[in-house]
Protein backbone atom coordinates (compact mmCIF):
# COMPACT_ATOMS: atom_id res chain seq x y z
CA MET A 1 0.28 0.17 -0.21
CA SER A 2 1.54 3.49 -1.26
CA GLY A 3 0.55 6.51 0.65
CA ILE A 4 0.43 10.18 0.30
CA THR A 5 3.78 11.92 0.60
CA THR A 6 3.17 15.09 -0.36
CA ILE A 7 1.10 18.22 -0.11
CA GLU A 8 0.50 18.00 -4.09
CA GLU A 9 -1.08 14.80 -4.32
CA LEU A 10 -3.40 15.50 -1.30
CA GLU A 11 -4.54 18.71 -2.84
CA GLY A 12 -4.78 16.57 -6.13
CA ILE A 13 -7.46 14.38 -4.25
CA TYR A 14 -9.46 16.91 -1.94
CA GLY A 15 -8.52 20.04 -3.67
CA THR A 16 -6.89 23.13 -2.15
CA PRO A 17 -8.29 23.91 1.38
CA ALA A 18 -10.67 27.26 1.72
CA GLU A 19 -8.94 30.11 3.84
CA ALA A 20 -11.70 29.85 6.26
CA SER A 21 -9.79 26.28 7.60
CA THR A 22 -6.48 27.27 6.94
CA VAL A 23 -6.88 30.49 8.99
CA LYS A 24 -7.20 28.34 11.89
CA VAL A 25 -3.84 26.58 11.68
CA LEU A 26 -1.39 28.05 14.61
CA ASP A 27 1.94 26.33 15.51
CA HIS A 28 0.65 26.77 19.52
CA VAL A 29 -2.36 26.79 21.59
CA SER A 30 -4.03 30.49 21.50
CA PRO A 31 -5.58 31.22 24.37
CA LEU A 32 -9.12 30.58 22.99
CA TYR A 33 -8.17 27.31 21.70
CA ARG A 34 -6.94 26.58 25.64
CA ARG A 35 -10.20 27.19 26.79
CA PHE A 36 -12.01 25.38 24.26
CA ILE A 37 -9.65 22.18 24.65
CA GLU A 38 -9.66 22.63 29.00
CA ALA A 39 -13.49 22.38 28.79
CA SER A 40 -13.76 19.38 26.58
CA PRO A 41 -15.28 15.80 27.90
CA PHE A 42 -13.31 14.31 25.06
CA VAL A 43 -9.87 14.45 22.94
CA ALA A 44 -8.61 12.27 20.59
CA LEU A 45 -4.67 12.05 21.56
CA ALA A 46 -2.19 11.46 18.29
CA THR A 47 1.21 10.31 18.49
CA ARG A 48 4.07 9.89 16.01
CA GLY A 49 6.88 7.45 16.16
CA PRO A 50 9.44 5.43 14.05
CA ASP A 51 5.94 3.11 13.46
CA GLY A 52 3.55 5.73 12.02
CA LEU A 53 0.83 7.16 14.18
CA ASP A 54 -1.44 6.09 17.08
CA CYS A 55 -4.52 7.89 17.68
CA SER A 56 -6.51 7.28 21.47
CA PRO A 57 -9.64 8.59 22.34
CA ARG A 58 -9.79 9.75 26.22
CA GLY A 59 -12.53 11.18 28.10
CA ASP A 60 -13.64 12.37 31.47
CA GLN A 61 -15.25 15.25 33.11
CA ALA A 62 -14.47 18.49 31.47
CA GLY A 63 -11.56 19.88 32.97
CA PHE A 64 -9.65 16.90 32.69
CA ILE A 65 -7.05 18.23 30.27
CA ARG A 66 -4.53 20.27 31.47
CA ILE A 67 -2.16 22.19 28.75
CA ALA A 68 1.12 22.98 30.08
CA ASP A 69 2.41 25.52 27.82
CA GLU A 70 1.44 27.20 24.40
């Protein structure tokens, strides 16, 4: 099975994302995003390592998530 390895391949399948989507992309957790995340009762925690990606659902009462920094 081959994977998508370039942005061009991805855009060839899905097209170019609309600006309304891309303006939400940040390299840090903004104060607004922090409040949203910390109030959520559910998250999907994704990690990447040498063997690929893993995504695990996590949930509890709102407030169980603590963000250490931006």
